[in-house]
C-alpha atoms as a PDB file:
ATOM      1  CA  MET A   1      -0.217   0.065  -0.043  1.00  0.00           C
ATOM      2  CA  ASP A   2       1.521   3.526  -1.269  1.00  0.00           C
ATOM      3  CA  PHE A   3       1.628   6.221   1.177  1.00  0.00           C
ATOM      4  CA  ASP A   4      -1.634   7.842  -0.602  1.00  0.00           C
ATOM      5  CA  MET A   5      -3.643   5.052  -0.182  1.00  0.00           C
ATOM      6  CA  MET A   6      -2.503   4.717   3.239  1.00  0.00           C
ATOM      7  CA  VAL A   7      -3.551   8.816   4.214  1.00  0.00           C
ATOM      8  CA  ASP A   8      -6.684   7.539   2.366  1.00  0.00           C
ATOM      9  CA  TYR A   9      -7.502   4.533   4.163  1.00  0.00           C
ATOM     10  CA  ILE A  10      -7.021   6.528   7.400  1.00  0.00           C
ATOM     11  CA  VAL A  11      -9.584   8.943   6.367  1.00  0.00           C
ATOM     12  CA  GLN A  12     -11.845   6.617   5.529  1.00  0.00           C
ATOM     13  CA  GLU A  13     -11.633   5.541   9.032  1.00  0.00           C
ATOM     14  CA  VAL A  14     -12.084   8.511  10.674  1.00  0.00           C
ATOM     15  CA  LEU A  15     -14.474   9.737   8.964  1.00  0.00           C
ATOM     16  CA  LYS A  16     -16.580   5.950   9.621  1.00  0.00           C
ATOM     17  CA  LYS A  17     -15.663   7.320  12.930  1.00  0.00           C
ATOM     18  CA  ILE A  18     -17.273  10.477  13.220  1.00  0.00           C
ATOM     19  CA  GLU A  19     -20.720   9.324  11.497  1.00  0.00           C
ATOM     20  CA  LEU A  20     -20.820   6.594  14.109  1.00  0.00           C
ATOM     21  CA  ASN A  21     -20.405   9.263  16.854  1.00  0.00           C
ATOM     22  CA  GLU A  22     -22.744  11.343  15.403  1.00  0.00           C
ATOM     23  CA  THR A  23     -25.266   8.614  15.375  1.00  0.00           C
ATOM     24  CA  ALA A  24     -25.025   7.897  19.079  1.00  0.00           C
ATOM     25  CA  TYR A  25     -25.509  11.159  20.363  1.00  0.00           C
ATOM     26  CA  LYS A  26     -28.710  11.606  18.200  1.00  0.00           C
ATOM     27  CA  VAL A  27     -29.684   8.007  19.778  1.00  0.00           C
ATOM     28  CA  GLU A  28     -28.511   9.646  23.284  1.00  0.00           C
ATOM     29  CA  ARG A  29     -31.033  12.852  23.245  1.00  0.00           C
ATOM     30  CA  ASN A  30     -32.450  13.543  26.639  1.00  0.00           C
ATOM     31  CA  ARG A  31     -35.785  12.983  27.123  1.00  0.00           C
ATOM     32  CA  GLY A  32     -38.487  14.273  29.197  1.00  0.00           C
ATOM     33  CA  LEU A  33     -42.170  13.631  29.848  1.00  0.00           C
ATOM     34  CA  VAL A  34     -44.751  16.199  30.225  1.00  0.00           C
ATOM     35  CA  ILE A  35     -47.909  15.450  31.827  1.00  0.00           C
ATOM     36  CA  ILE A  36     -50.781  18.320  30.835  1.00  0.00           C
ATOM     37  CA  ASN A  37     -53.403  18.759  33.548  1.00  0.00           C
ATOM     38  CA  GLY A  38     -55.962  21.047  33.534  1.00  0.00           C
ATOM     39  CA  GLY A  39     -54.543  24.314  33.990  1.00  0.00           C
ATOM     40  CA  THR A  40     -54.272  27.526  31.481  1.00  0.00           C
ATOM     41  CA  GLY A  41     -51.877  29.665  33.206  1.00  0.00           C
ATOM     42  CA  ASN A  42     -50.078  31.229  29.733  1.00  0.00           C
ATOM     43  CA  LEU A  43     -50.984  28.067  28.127  1.00  0.00           C
ATOM     44  CA  GLU A  44     -49.515  29.714  24.743  1.00  0.00           C
ATOM     45  CA  GLN A  45     -46.510  30.497  26.586  1.00  0.00           C
ATOM     46  CA  VAL A  46     -45.738  27.072  28.060  1.00  0.00           C
ATOM     47  CA  ILE A  47     -46.671  25.227  24.205  1.00  0.00           C
ATOM     48  CA  LEU A  48     -43.914  27.848  23.402  1.00  0.00           C
ATOM     49  CA  GLU A  49     -41.625  27.060  25.574  1.00  0.00           C
ATOM     50  CA  LEU A  50     -42.071  22.780  24.632  1.00  0.00           C
ATOM     51  CA  LYS A  51     -41.462  23.738  21.388  1.00  0.00           C
ATOM     52  CA  LYS A  52     -37.889  25.291  21.906  1.00  0.00           C
ATOM     53  CA  ILE A  53     -37.114  22.394  24.526  1.00  0.00           C
ATOM     54  CA  SER A  54     -38.135  19.779  21.709  1.00  0.00           C
ATOM     55  CA  GLU A  55     -35.111  20.920  19.922  1.00  0.00           C
ATOM     56  CA  ARG A  56     -32.776  19.248  22.300  1.00  0.00           C
ATOM     57  CA  TYR A  57     -35.310  16.723  24.220  1.00  0.00           C
ATOM     58  CA  GLU A  58     -37.001  13.844  23.345  1.00  0.00           C
ATOM     59  CA  LEU A  59     -40.509  14.741  24.581  1.00  0.00           C
ATOM     60  CA  ASP A  60     -43.807  12.578  24.969  1.00  0.00           C
ATOM     61  CA  ILE A  61     -46.755  14.148  26.381  1.00  0.00           C
ATOM     62  CA  VAL A  62     -49.674  12.736  28.539  1.00  0.00           C
ATOM     63  CA  PHE A  63     -52.938  13.958  29.056  1.00  0.00           C
ATOM     64  CA  SER A  64     -54.618  14.125  32.733  1.00  0.00           C
ATOM     65  CA  GLU A  65     -58.287  13.837  32.495  1.00  0.00           C
ATOM     66  CA  ALA A  66     -58.924  17.036  32.809  1.00  0.00           C
ATOM     67  CA  GLY A  67     -56.428  18.203  30.532  1.00  0.00           C
ATOM     68  CA  GLU A  68     -58.076  16.482  27.594  1.00  0.00           C
ATOM     69  CA  LYS A  69     -61.213  17.916  28.664  1.00  0.00           C
ATOM     70  CA  ILE A  70     -59.950  21.793  29.427  1.00  0.00           C
ATOM     71  CA  VAL A  71     -56.616  21.905  27.295  1.00  0.00           C
ATOM     72  CA  ARG A  72     -57.622  19.209  24.443  1.00  0.00           C
ATOM     73  CA  LYS A  73     -54.609  17.453  22.650  1.00  0.00           C
ATOM     74  CA  GLU A  74     -55.036  19.336  19.430  1.00  0.00           C
ATOM     75  CA  LYS A  75     -53.120  21.909  20.533  1.00  0.00           C
ATOM     76  CA  PHE A  76     -50.256  19.121  20.970  1.00  0.00           C
ATOM     77  CA  GLN A  77     -50.377  18.342  17.777  1.00  0.00           C
ATOM     78  CA  ASN A  78     -47.133  19.219  16.620  1.00  0.00           C
ATOM     79  CA  PHE A  79     -45.594  16.638  19.836  1.00  0.00           C
ATOM     80  CA  ASN A  80     -45.513  13.465  20.336  1.00  0.00           C
ATOM     81  CA  VAL A  81     -49.339  12.708  22.701  1.00  0.00           C
ATOM     82  CA  ILE A  82     -49.200   9.456  24.180  1.00  0.00           C
ATOM     83  CA  ASP A  83     -52.655   7.953  24.098  1.00  0.00           C
ATOM     84  CA  LYS A  84     -53.284   5.542  26.470  1.00  0.00           C
ATOM     85  CA  PHE A  85     -51.864   7.264  29.898  1.00  0.00           C
ATOM     86  CA  GLU A  86     -52.950   5.183  32.988  1.00  0.00           C
ATOM     87  CA  MET A  87     -51.225   3.586  35.927  1.00  0.00           C
ATOM     88  CA  GLU A  88     -50.290   0.772  34.156  1.00  0.00           C
ATOM     89  CA  THR A  89     -47.956   2.518  32.079  1.00  0.00           C
ATOM     90  CA  CYS A  90     -46.425   4.794  34.356  1.00  0.00           C
ATOM     91  CA  GLU A  91     -43.283   2.639  35.325  1.00  0.00           C
ATOM     92  CA  PRO A  92     -42.311   2.183  31.370  1.00  0.00           C
ATOM     93  CA  LEU A  93     -42.692   5.842  31.005  1.00  0.00           C
ATOM     94  CA  LEU A  94     -40.952   7.144  34.264  1.00  0.00           C
ATOM     95  CA  LYS A  95     -37.912   4.514  32.748  1.00  0.00           C
ATOM     96  CA  LYS A  96     -37.420   6.042  29.563  1.00  0.00           C
ATOM     97  CA  ASN A  97     -37.576   9.502  30.717  1.00  0.00           C
ATOM     98  CA  ASP A  98     -35.243  11.190  32.845  1.00  0.00           C
ATOM     99  CA  ILE A  99     -37.029  14.086  33.264  1.00  0.00           C
ATOM    100  CA  ILE A 100     -40.910  14.837  33.988  1.00  0.00           C
ATOM    101  CA  ILE A 101     -42.090  18.152  33.073  1.00  0.00           C
ATOM    102  CA  LEU A 102     -45.514  19.829  34.646  1.00  0.00           C
ATOM    103  CA  PRO A 103     -45.946  23.178  32.906  1.00  0.00           C
ATOM    104  CA  LEU A 104     -49.902  23.258  33.851  1.00  0.00           C
ATOM    105  CA  LEU A 105     -49.865  21.931  37.326  1.00  0.00           C
ATOM    106  CA  THR A 106     -53.206  22.946  38.905  1.00  0.00           C
ATOM    107  CA  LYS A 107     -53.547  23.649  42.254  1.00  0.00           C
ATOM    108  CA  ASN A 108     -56.016  20.286  42.938  1.00  0.00           C
ATOM    109  CA  SER A 109     -53.284  18.224  41.820  1.00  0.00           C
ATOM    110  CA  CYS A 110     -50.367  20.460  43.892  1.00  0.00           C
ATOM    111  CA  ALA A 111     -52.823  19.779  47.099  1.00  0.00           C
ATOM    112  CA  LYS A 112     -53.308  15.875  46.344  1.00  0.00           C
ATOM    113  CA  ILE A 113     -49.287  15.091  45.449  1.00  0.00           C
ATOM    114  CA  ALA A 114     -48.402  17.553  48.654  1.00  0.00           C
ATOM    115  CA  VAL A 115     -50.560  14.735  51.271  1.00  0.00           C
ATOM    116  CA  GLY A 116     -49.661  12.108  49.071  1.00  0.00           C
ATOM    117  CA  ILE A 117     -52.618  11.271  47.461  1.00  0.00           C
ATOM    118  CA  ARG A 118     -51.891   9.212  44.339  1.00  0.00           C
ATOM    119  CA  ASP A 119     -55.991   7.832  42.970  1.00  0.00           C
ATOM    120  CA  ASN A 120     -55.159   8.874  39.016  1.00  0.00           C
ATOM    121  CA  ALA A 121     -52.747   8.123  36.833  1.00  0.00           C
ATOM    122  CA  VAL A 122     -51.100  11.719  37.338  1.00  0.00           C
ATOM    123  CA  THR A 123     -50.527  11.862  40.844  1.00  0.00           C
ATOM    124  CA  TYR A 124     -49.629   8.344  41.070  1.00  0.00           C
ATOM    125  CA  LEU A 125     -46.587   8.808  38.766  1.00  0.00           C
ATOM    126  CA  ILE A 126     -45.667  11.975  40.116  1.00  0.00           C
ATOM    127  CA  SER A 127     -45.495   9.890  43.588  1.00  0.00           C
ATOM    128  CA  LYS A 128     -43.559   7.336  41.949  1.00  0.00           C
ATOM    129  CA  ALA A 129     -40.883   9.885  40.318  1.00  0.00           C
ATOM    130  CA  LEU A 130     -40.674  11.208  43.701  1.00  0.00           C
ATOM    131  CA  LEU A 131     -39.797   7.924  45.278  1.00  0.00           C
ATOM    132  CA  ALA A 132     -37.319   7.054  43.076  1.00  0.00           C
ATOM    133  CA  GLN A 133     -35.168  10.532  42.833  1.00  0.00           C
ATOM    134  CA  LYS A 134     -36.249  11.812  39.493  1.00  0.00           C
ATOM    135  CA  GLU A 135     -36.062  15.186  38.271  1.00  0.00           C
ATOM    136  CA  ILE A 136     -39.213  17.155  38.417  1.00  0.00           C
ATOM    137  CA  VAL A 137     -39.891  20.698  36.752  1.00  0.00           C
ATOM    138  CA  ALA A 138     -43.182  22.474  37.742  1.00  0.00           C
ATOM    139  CA  VAL A 139     -44.916  25.627  36.224  1.00  0.00           C
ATOM    140  CA  TYR A 140     -46.215  28.164  39.103  1.00  0.00           C
ATOM    141  CA  ASP A 141     -48.581  29.932  36.342  1.00  0.00           C
ATOM    142  CA  SER A 142     -51.928  27.755  37.319  1.00  0.00           C
ATOM    143  CA  CYS A 143     -50.775  26.746  40.966  1.00  0.00           C
ATOM    144  CA  ILE A 144     -50.286  29.242  42.544  1.00  0.00           C
ATOM    145  CA  ALA A 145     -52.789  31.681  44.523  1.00  0.00           C
ATOM    146  CA  ASP A 146     -52.208  35.708  44.136  1.00  0.00           C
ATOM    147  CA  ASN A 147     -54.040  36.684  47.616  1.00  0.00           C
ATOM    148  CA  LYS A 148     -52.898  36.890  50.913  1.00  0.00           C
ATOM    149  CA  THR A 149     -56.244  35.232  52.761  1.00  0.00           C
ATOM    150  CA  ALA A 150     -56.050  32.141  55.103  1.00  0.00           C
ATOM    151  CA  TYR A 151     -56.800  29.996  52.083  1.00  0.00           C
ATOM    152  CA  GLY A 152     -54.668  31.267  49.685  1.00  0.00           C
ATOM    153  CA  ASN A 153     -51.808  30.782  52.221  1.00  0.00           C
ATOM    154  CA  GLN A 154     -52.776  27.083  52.274  1.00  0.00           C
ATOM    155  CA  ILE A 155     -52.522  27.003  48.579  1.00  0.00           C
ATOM    156  CA  ASN A 156     -49.085  28.281  48.069  1.00  0.00           C
ATOM    157  CA  PHE A 157     -48.340  26.126  51.252  1.00  0.00           C
ATOM    158  CA  ASN A 158     -49.045  23.281  49.263  1.00  0.00           C
ATOM    159  CA  ILE A 159     -46.288  24.427  46.699  1.00  0.00           C
ATOM    160  CA  GLU A 160     -43.765  24.708  49.580  1.00  0.00           C
ATOM    161  CA  LYS A 161     -44.158  21.465  50.467  1.00  0.00           C
ATOM    162  CA  LEU A 162     -43.420  20.092  46.801  1.00  0.00           C
ATOM    163  CA  LYS A 163     -40.622  22.242  47.124  1.00  0.00           C
ATOM    164  CA  SER A 164     -39.277  20.225  50.047  1.00  0.00           C
ATOM    165  CA  TYR A 165     -40.142  16.714  48.050  1.00  0.00           C
ATOM    166  CA  GLY A 166     -37.476  18.397  45.605  1.00  0.00           C
ATOM    167  CA  ILE A 167     -39.869  19.738  42.572  1.00  0.00           C
ATOM    168  CA  ILE A 168     -38.329  22.888  40.937  1.00  0.00           C
ATOM    169  CA  PHE A 169     -40.892  25.211  40.647  1.00  0.00           C
ATOM    170  CA  VAL A 170     -40.259  28.351  37.360  1.00  0.00           C
ATOM    171  CA  LYS A 171     -42.242  30.741  36.048  1.00  0.00           C
ATOM    172  CA  SER A 172     -43.876  29.624  32.318  1.00  0.00           C
ATOM    173  CA  SER A 173     -41.396  32.384  30.551  1.00  0.00           C
ATOM    174  CA  GLU A 174     -38.463  30.784  32.129  1.00  0.00           C
ATOM    175  CA  LEU A 175     -38.879  26.806  31.380  1.00  0.00           C
ATOM    176  CA  SER A 176     -37.049  26.487  28.284  1.00  0.00           C
ATOM    177  CA  ASP A 177     -34.301  28.231  29.685  1.00  0.00           C
ATOM    178  CA  TYR A 178     -34.509  26.186  33.244  1.00  0.00           C
ATOM    179  CA  ILE A 179     -34.378  23.315  31.200  1.00  0.00           C
ATOM    180  CA  LEU A 180     -31.854  23.914  28.631  1.00  0.00           C
ATOM    181  CA  ASN A 181     -29.019  26.134  29.943  1.00  0.00           C
ATOM    182  CA  ARG A 182     -29.695  26.240  33.930  1.00  0.00           C
ATOM    183  CA  ARG A 183     -31.027  22.595  35.006  1.00  0.00           C
ATOM    184  CA  ASN A 184     -27.153  21.418  34.531  1.00  0.00           C
ATOM    185  CA  LEU A 185     -25.767  24.144  36.443  1.00  0.00           C
ATOM    186  CA  GLU A 186     -28.134  24.878  39.122  1.00  0.00           C
ATOM    187  CA  ILE A 187     -27.782  21.979  42.033  1.00  0.00           C
ATOM    188  CA  ASN A 188     -31.378  22.158  44.625  1.00  0.00           C
ATOM    189  CA  SER A 189     -30.486  18.635  46.146  1.00  0.00           C
ATOM    190  CA  LEU A 190     -28.843  20.692  48.975  1.00  0.00           C
ATOM    191  CA  LYS A 191     -31.688  22.787  49.686  1.00  0.00           C
ATOM    192  CA  GLU A 192     -33.352  21.512  53.126  1.00  0.00           C
ATOM    193  CA  LYS A 193     -30.158  21.127  54.641  1.00  0.00           C
ATOM    194  CA  LYS A 194     -29.402  23.037  57.555  1.00  0.00           C
ATOM    195  CA  ILE A 195     -26.128  23.384  57.473  1.00  0.00           C
ATOM    196  CA  ILE A 196     -23.206  22.614  54.616  1.00  0.00           C
ATOM    197  CA  THR A 197     -19.560  21.581  54.958  1.00  0.00           C
ATOM    198  CA  ALA A 198     -16.838  21.270  52.785  1.00  0.00           C
ATOM    199  CA  GLU A 199     -17.710  17.474  52.898  1.00  0.00           C
ATOM    200  CA  ASP A 200     -21.068  17.997  51.005  1.00  0.00           C
ATOM    201  CA  ILE A 201     -19.661  19.831  47.758  1.00  0.00           C
ATOM    202  CA  TYR A 202     -16.342  17.891  48.107  1.00  0.00           C
ATOM    203  CA  ASP A 203     -16.829  16.667  44.337  1.00  0.00           C
ATOM    204  CA  ILE A 204     -18.437  19.334  42.820  1.00  0.00           C
ATOM    205  CA  LYS A 205     -17.604  21.986  40.483  1.00  0.00           C
ATOM    206  CA  ASN A 206     -18.403  25.277  38.835  1.00  0.00           C
ATOM    207  CA  LYS A 207     -22.124  24.985  39.575  1.00  0.00           C
ATOM    208  CA  LYS A 208     -24.651  27.064  41.183  1.00  0.00           C
ATOM    209  CA  ILE A 209     -25.889  25.473  44.570  1.00  0.00           C
ATOM    210  CA  ILE A 210     -29.557  26.925  45.839  1.00  0.00           C
ATOM    211  CA  VAL A 211     -29.740  27.230  49.380  1.00  0.00           C
ATOM    212  CA  SER A 212     -32.868  28.169  51.876  1.00  0.00           C
ATOM    213  CA  LYS A 213     -32.931  31.355  54.068  1.00  0.00           C
ATOM    214  CA  SER A 214     -32.057  29.317  56.956  1.00  0.00           C
ATOM    215  CA  THR A 215     -29.391  27.264  56.189  1.00  0.00           C
ATOM    216  CA  ILE A 216     -25.970  27.642  57.318  1.00  0.00           C
ATOM    217  CA  VAL A 217     -22.226  27.443  55.078  1.00  0.00           C
ATOM    218  CA  THR A 218     -19.208  26.664  57.409  1.00  0.00           C
ATOM    219  CA  THR A 219     -16.362  28.900  56.557  1.00  0.00           C
ATOM    220  CA  LEU A 220     -14.840  25.705  55.347  1.00  0.00           C
ATOM    221  CA  ALA A 221     -17.078  24.988  52.837  1.00  0.00           C
ATOM    222  CA  ARG A 222     -17.146  28.831  51.797  1.00  0.00           C
ATOM    223  CA  GLU A 223     -13.339  28.194  51.000  1.00  0.00           C
ATOM    224  CA  LYS A 224     -14.154  24.759  49.312  1.00  0.00           C
ATOM    225  CA  ALA A 225     -16.689  26.668  47.355  1.00  0.00           C
ATOM    226  CA  GLU A 226     -14.446  29.400  46.137  1.00  0.00           C
ATOM    227  CA  ASN A 227     -11.845  26.817  45.000  1.00  0.00           C
ATOM    228  CA  ASN A 228     -14.351  24.642  42.768  1.00  0.00           C
ATOM    229  CA  GLY A 229     -16.449  27.730  41.673  1.00  0.00           C
ATOM    230  CA  ILE A 230     -19.537  27.306  43.117  1.00  0.00           C
ATOM    231  CA  ILE A 231     -21.459  29.888  44.009  1.00  0.00           C
ATOM    232  CA  PHE A 232     -24.395  29.661  46.524  1.00  0.00           C
ATOM    233  CA  GLU A 233     -27.596  31.352  46.044  1.00  0.00           C
ATOM    234  CA  THR A 234     -30.493  31.973  48.501  1.00  0.00           C
ATOM    235  CA  GLU A 235     -33.733  30.337  46.744  1.00  0.00           C
ATOM    236  CA  LYS A 236     -35.971  33.386  46.499  1.00  0.00           C
END
C-alpha cells in the first residue's frame, strides 16, 4: 500500500468513527415526559416553551382527564402525544424519561401530591417519580394563589411542600431557559440541609447551589466553594 492509499484509508476510517459518534449522539438525546393537567395559565407561552425544549429533547406528552377536557390534545398535535396513559403505563414512562415536566400543574393536583394522594395516573406517576428521585420541574402559573387570605396561604403552602420534596418550580416564561441552560448548572438537592459543610460539596465544581434562607454554610465550605468555582444562592 503506497503512502497516498494509506492516507486515504486512514481518512475514511476517521470519517466512519465520526459518523458513528454523531449517530450515537442522536440516539442519546435527553428525554422528557410532559404531563398536561387542567391548568390554563399562560397556555400559549407554555406551548412555545415546550417547542424550544423539543429542539434538544425527545418529549412524550400525556394528559390527565382534566387536561384532555380543558386544554385538549389538538393544541399539542406537533408533539408526540401518548394516547394510553393510565397507572399501568407509568413504570415504562418513568424508565424511558429522565425528567418530568409539569407545565400546567393545577392547585388540585398540587394539593393531592402534597399530602401523598395518588388516585389517578398523574398523581400516581408523580409519587413514583418522587420515590425514584427523578427530576421534576413544574410551572407556577396555574397553581399559585395571588391573594393573602388564609386559604390562599394554604394553596401556596402546598407548593412549598412540593419544593421540599425536591420539585423545582419556575415561571412559564423561564421553563425552556431552566431546562436547556440552568438545569445542569444548578444544584437543588442541598436546599433542605440546615448546615452545609465542605464534605457536602467536595466533588462539586462550577455549579450554583440553591440554599434555603435558614441554611448555614460553614467557613470551610465557603473556602471549598471558592476553590471549586461554586456559587451559593438563597432561594426566593
